[in-house]
């Protein structure tokens, strides 16, 4: 008796064996499949969060891994996009809160002492701040698509006390398009 098949993606199938006709040594089940899918999705999300917190981690390596997992059928394309976007937005939220709580001068002093851990210098904070002042809210949207700026643009948004929901909405839109 053939096992029923669950279509994951057109052309990709996962066998859901019946308990009676499962060969010895196989333990694939629909629960295992979904657990693995969400573990891989959370992995992409956590890596994207870390990429936003520690800019030396390149998202240009993380998202192609998600694309590969999507292409092989191990993870849905939309789950890769969703988990990657959520991780990235949570990282942006963290830097927004840091900018809002510390303010420009305290943050620059902190970056002067500890910025090497997150690859951020006082000059980069000034540069991101000037870019934010020059381009306003649109800068949050555009910068989310530019390496390194996607991390630091949330800092001046927080310093300028840009409304949180507006900042996160523009950040989410830019992140999703990237």
Foldseek 3Di string as FASTA:
>chain_A
DAFDWDDLDVVDTDGAHDPVPDDPPDDDHPVVLVVQQVVLLLVLLQLLLVCLQAVVSDVVVSLVVVVVCCVNSSYPPVSSLVSNLNSLLVSLVVLLVVLQVQALPSVQVCCCPPVVRRVDHNVNLVVLLVVCVVPPLLQLLQLCQPRPSVRNNSNNCSNVVPPPVSSSVSNSNSSSVD
